[in-house]
Amino acid sequence: MVLLILAMAWPGCVAAAPCVGAALDRPLPGAMDARQVSVDVPTARFPGLWQQGRVDGLTYRIFGDGTAVLSDDPGAPRWQVRIECAAATCRTTATGVPDAGADRIADALGRCLMGQDVTAADLRRAAPAFPTGLSNDVPDRGRSLPPAAALATAAGQAPRRAVAQCMPDPALFGDTPAQTVQRMLLAAGQDPGPDDGVLGARSRAALRAALGPGSDADVPHAILALLAMRCGG
């Protein structure tokens, strides 16, 4: 177990309402499955009311006492980062070895606790870098997703102008191409099932409903088609 304590100074005052609102009822930008959770008997670990959700594949909890927790798993985490803000300072304590880039999200959570605005791009493990490109044998899991133009190049076709000129919401880009398909399907009004990056029967059925038979066989092309739909192509 590794214990790391960092002190971060932010402008402002912790008395300000966090970026999710004083009642914690405004979803964190770019968060998936954001919801309010409450307990009848508060404890030191769960003080009454909090907002819980996922950002870039990680679980966050924002509490009403000026603290937040970021972890890799809500039930049995391998690591977690606790953010505590008071006056003009946020103190971050990491237990275990956080995933690469978790500190970037923890910094953004600290700014949120201090009442500063944060964006969906701030709440990602790596700052957006465009483009990166994909090879033709893109696996369904375990790879970062590039932007539409790079996907089009990987698929062996020129990017469509409508897609290239329409920048999708960064929150739609998941950790893998499959997770991105699921988020785009949900945004398109389909029901792909859990946002877990696994193209199961439910996700594939949603793909076929949105794009037609056979569309679930080629994930990069499916992403291009869903992007084109969002951009009116």
Protein backbone atom coordinates (compact mmCIF):
# COMPACT_ATOMS: atom_id res chain seq x y z
CA MET A 1 0.00 0.00 0.00
CA VAL A 2 1.35 3.37 -0.92
CA LEU A 3 0.27 6.54 0.83
CA LEU A 4 0.84 9.77 -1.04
CA ILE A 5 -0.15 13.18 0.28
CA LEU A 6 -0.08 16.21 -1.96
CA ALA A 7 -1.06 19.77 -1.07
CA MET A 8 -2.72 21.80 -3.80
CA ALA A 9 -3.57 25.48 -3.50
CA TRP A 10 -6.56 26.76 -5.46
CA PRO A 11 -7.96 30.27 -5.63
CA GLY A 12 -11.32 30.78 -4.01
CA CYS A 13 -12.95 29.53 -0.88
CA VAL A 14 -14.34 26.12 0.04
CA ALA A 15 -17.45 27.85 1.40
CA ALA A 16 -18.54 28.37 -2.20
CA ALA A 17 -20.98 25.79 -3.52
CA PRO A 18 -19.27 23.01 -5.49
CA CYS A 19 -19.64 22.92 -9.26
CA VAL A 20 -22.37 20.28 -8.87
CA GLY A 21 -24.51 22.64 -6.78
CA ALA A 22 -25.04 23.00 -3.05
CA ALA A 23 -27.54 20.12 -3.13
CA LEU A 24 -25.18 17.97 -5.25
CA ASP A 25 -28.01 17.66 -7.76
CA ARG A 26 -26.21 18.93 -10.87
CA PRO A 27 -24.28 16.17 -12.69
CA LEU A 28 -20.52 16.54 -12.89
CA PRO A 29 -19.67 17.57 -16.49
CA GLY A 30 -19.13 14.54 -18.70
CA ALA A 31 -20.09 12.09 -15.94
CA MET A 32 -21.93 8.86 -16.67
CA ASP A 33 -24.60 7.44 -14.34
CA ALA A 34 -24.39 10.52 -12.07
CA ARG A 35 -26.90 10.29 -9.22
CA GLN A 36 -27.55 11.46 -5.69
CA VAL A 37 -27.11 8.93 -2.89
CA SER A 38 -28.14 9.39 0.72
CA VAL A 39 -28.01 7.41 3.94
CA ASP A 40 -30.29 7.76 6.94
CA VAL A 41 -27.43 7.44 9.43
CA PRO A 42 -24.31 9.32 8.28
CA THR A 43 -20.88 7.83 9.03
CA ALA A 44 -17.34 9.13 8.73
CA ARG A 45 -17.03 7.31 5.41
CA PHE A 46 -20.42 8.30 4.00
CA PRO A 47 -21.55 11.66 5.45
CA GLY A 48 -25.25 11.73 4.65
CA LEU A 49 -25.56 12.86 1.04
CA TRP A 50 -23.26 12.57 -1.94
CA GLN A 51 -23.20 12.49 -5.72
CA GLN A 52 -21.78 9.40 -7.36
CA GLY A 53 -20.96 8.63 -10.98
CA ARG A 54 -18.18 7.72 -13.40
CA VAL A 55 -15.71 9.83 -15.34
CA ASP A 56 -13.33 8.28 -17.88
CA GLY A 57 -13.95 4.82 -16.44
CA LEU A 58 -13.28 5.81 -12.82
CA THR A 59 -15.80 6.16 -9.98
CA TYR A 60 -16.14 9.46 -8.14
CA ARG A 61 -18.08 10.51 -5.07
CA ILE A 62 -18.59 14.17 -4.15
CA PHE A 63 -19.79 14.71 -0.58
CA GLY A 64 -21.55 17.66 0.96
CA ASP A 65 -18.76 18.23 3.50
CA GLY A 66 -16.20 19.52 0.99
CA THR A 67 -14.61 16.16 0.24
CA ALA A 68 -14.53 13.81 -2.73
CA VAL A 69 -13.22 10.32 -3.45
CA LEU A 70 -11.94 8.94 -6.75
CA SER A 71 -11.34 5.20 -7.19
CA ASP A 72 -11.09 2.46 -9.79
CA ASP A 73 -14.03 0.50 -8.38
CA PRO A 74 -16.91 1.52 -6.09
CA GLY A 75 -17.07 -1.79 -4.23
CA ALA A 76 -13.55 -3.21 -3.90
CA PRO A 77 -11.11 -0.56 -5.11
CA ARG A 78 -7.43 -1.34 -5.68
CA TRP A 79 -6.72 2.32 -4.99
CA GLN A 80 -8.52 5.50 -4.11
CA VAL A 81 -7.75 9.20 -3.93
CA ARG A 82 -9.44 11.33 -1.28
CA ILE A 83 -9.72 15.08 -1.86
CA GLU A 84 -10.37 17.35 1.13
CA CYS A 85 -10.79 21.10 0.64
CA ALA A 86 -10.70 23.80 3.32
CA ALA A 87 -10.16 27.54 3.05
CA ALA A 88 -8.15 28.01 -0.17
CA THR A 89 -6.41 24.63 -0.17
CA CYS A 90 -7.24 21.11 -1.29
CA ARG A 91 -5.38 18.18 0.26
CA THR A 92 -5.20 14.97 -1.76
CA THR A 93 -4.43 11.61 -0.15
CA ALA A 94 -3.88 8.55 -2.34
CA THR A 95 -4.11 5.03 -0.94
CA GLY A 96 -2.69 2.33 -3.17
CA VAL A 97 -1.23 3.12 -6.58
CA PRO A 98 -3.66 5.18 -8.68
CA ASP A 99 -3.95 4.62 -12.41
CA ALA A 100 -2.00 6.95 -14.67
CA GLY A 101 -3.85 10.21 -15.11
CA ALA A 102 -6.01 9.81 -12.00
CA ASP A 103 -4.23 12.81 -10.49
CA ARG A 104 -5.53 14.98 -13.33
CA ILE A 105 -9.12 14.03 -12.51
CA ALA A 106 -8.47 14.48 -8.78
CA ASP A 107 -7.19 18.00 -9.46
CA ALA A 108 -10.39 18.78 -11.38
CA LEU A 109 -12.52 17.39 -8.53
CA GLY A 110 -10.65 19.70 -6.16
CA ARG A 111 -11.46 22.69 -8.33
CA CYS A 112 -15.09 21.58 -8.43
CA LEU A 113 -15.20 21.38 -4.63
CA MET A 114 -13.85 24.94 -4.51
CA GLY A 115 -16.75 26.13 -6.64
CA GLN A 116 -14.77 26.53 -9.85
CA ASP A 117 -16.19 25.45 -13.18
CA VAL A 118 -14.73 22.31 -14.74
CA THR A 119 -15.37 20.78 -18.15
CA ALA A 120 -15.76 17.21 -19.35
CA ALA A 121 -12.29 17.47 -20.91
CA ASP A 122 -10.83 18.38 -17.49
CA LEU A 123 -12.26 15.15 -16.07
CA ARG A 124 -10.30 12.81 -18.30
CA ARG A 125 -7.09 10.99 -17.46
CA ALA A 126 -5.29 12.56 -20.41
CA ALA A 127 -5.81 15.88 -22.11
CA PRO A 128 -7.40 15.48 -25.56
CA ALA A 129 -4.77 14.88 -28.25
CA PHE A 130 -5.92 14.85 -31.85
CA PRO A 131 -5.34 12.88 -33.97
CA THR A 132 -3.71 9.59 -32.93
CA GLY A 133 -4.92 7.05 -35.51
CA LEU A 134 -5.90 3.38 -35.34
CA SER A 135 -4.59 0.34 -37.19
CA ASN A 136 -6.97 -1.73 -39.32
CA ASP A 137 -7.03 -4.57 -36.79
CA VAL A 138 -8.48 -2.49 -33.96
CA PRO A 139 -9.44 -4.79 -31.08
CA ASP A 140 -12.76 -4.27 -29.37
CA ARG A 141 -11.23 -3.55 -25.99
CA GLY A 142 -8.17 -2.04 -24.39
CA ARG A 143 -7.40 0.74 -26.87
CA SER A 144 -7.86 4.47 -26.66
CA LEU A 145 -10.27 6.00 -29.12
CA PRO A 146 -9.03 8.65 -31.56
CA PRO A 147 -11.19 11.32 -33.18
CA ALA A 148 -13.41 10.80 -36.18
CA ALA A 149 -10.80 11.72 -38.77
CA ALA A 150 -8.30 9.21 -37.41
CA LEU A 151 -10.98 6.53 -37.26
CA ALA A 152 -11.83 7.18 -40.88
CA THR A 153 -8.18 6.84 -41.87
CA ALA A 154 -7.93 3.59 -39.92
CA ALA A 155 -11.02 2.32 -41.70
CA GLY A 156 -9.42 3.02 -45.09
CA GLN A 157 -11.59 5.92 -46.18
CA ALA A 158 -11.31 9.70 -46.32
CA PRO A 159 -13.03 11.51 -43.45
CA ARG A 160 -16.45 12.80 -44.41
CA ARG A 161 -16.63 16.59 -44.33
CA ALA A 162 -19.76 16.53 -42.19
CA VAL A 163 -18.00 14.38 -39.59
CA ALA A 164 -14.73 16.31 -39.67
CA GLN A 165 -16.51 19.62 -39.11
CA CYS A 166 -18.72 18.34 -36.27
CA MET A 167 -16.83 17.85 -33.02
CA PRO A 168 -18.78 15.44 -30.78
CA ASP A 169 -19.17 15.85 -27.03
CA PRO A 170 -15.91 14.60 -25.42
CA ALA A 171 -18.02 12.71 -22.87
CA LEU A 172 -19.08 10.34 -25.66
CA PHE A 173 -15.53 9.03 -26.07
CA GLY A 174 -15.03 6.05 -23.78
CA ASP A 175 -11.95 4.05 -22.84
CA THR A 176 -12.46 1.70 -25.80
CA PRO A 177 -14.20 1.85 -29.18
CA ALA A 178 -16.94 -0.44 -27.84
CA GLN A 179 -17.68 1.89 -24.93
CA THR A 180 -17.81 4.85 -27.33
CA VAL A 181 -20.35 3.00 -29.49
CA GLN A 182 -22.48 2.38 -26.39
CA ARG A 183 -22.42 6.06 -25.41
CA MET A 184 -23.22 7.22 -28.94
CA LEU A 185 -26.10 4.76 -29.16
CA LEU A 186 -27.49 6.07 -25.87
CA ALA A 187 -27.18 9.64 -27.15
CA ALA A 188 -29.01 8.55 -30.31
CA GLY A 189 -31.98 7.31 -28.28
CA GLN A 190 -31.13 3.61 -28.35
CA ASP A 191 -30.80 1.25 -25.38
CA PRO A 192 -27.32 -0.34 -25.51
CA GLY A 193 -27.40 -1.60 -21.94
CA PRO A 194 -24.67 -0.91 -19.36
CA ASP A 195 -21.87 1.54 -20.19
CA ASP A 196 -19.23 -1.15 -19.67
CA GLY A 197 -17.31 -1.33 -22.95
CA VAL A 198 -18.63 -4.80 -23.77
CA LEU A 199 -20.65 -5.20 -26.96
CA GLY A 200 -23.08 -7.79 -25.69
CA ALA A 201 -26.36 -8.85 -27.25
CA ARG A 202 -28.16 -5.72 -26.06
CA SER A 203 -25.54 -3.34 -27.46
CA ARG A 204 -25.42 -5.19 -30.78
CA ALA A 205 -29.20 -5.14 -31.06
CA ALA A 206 -29.15 -1.37 -30.45
CA LEU A 207 -26.49 -0.99 -33.17
CA ARG A 208 -28.59 -2.92 -35.67
CA ALA A 209 -31.65 -0.87 -34.74
CA ALA A 210 -29.75 2.37 -35.33
CA LEU A 211 -27.67 1.46 -38.39
CA GLY A 212 -29.16 -1.68 -39.89
CA PRO A 213 -28.16 -5.36 -40.20
CA GLY A 214 -24.46 -6.16 -40.04
CA SER A 215 -23.50 -2.85 -38.44
CA ASP A 216 -22.35 -4.62 -35.26
CA ALA A 217 -19.55 -6.41 -37.12
CA ASP A 218 -17.29 -3.37 -37.64
CA VAL A 219 -16.92 -1.09 -34.62
CA PRO A 220 -14.81 1.70 -36.23
CA HIS A 221 -17.22 2.02 -39.16
CA ALA A 222 -20.16 1.98 -36.72
CA ILE A 223 -18.61 4.91 -34.84
CA LEU A 224 -18.20 6.81 -38.11
CA ALA A 225 -21.82 6.16 -39.03
CA LEU A 226 -23.06 7.28 -35.60
CA LEU A 227 -20.92 10.42 -35.83
CA ALA A 228 -22.39 11.14 -39.25
CA MET A 229 -25.90 10.73 -37.81
CA ARG A 230 -25.12 13.22 -35.03
CA CYS A 231 -23.71 15.69 -37.55
CA GLY A 232 -26.65 15.37 -39.91
CA GLY A 233 -24.66 13.45 -42.52
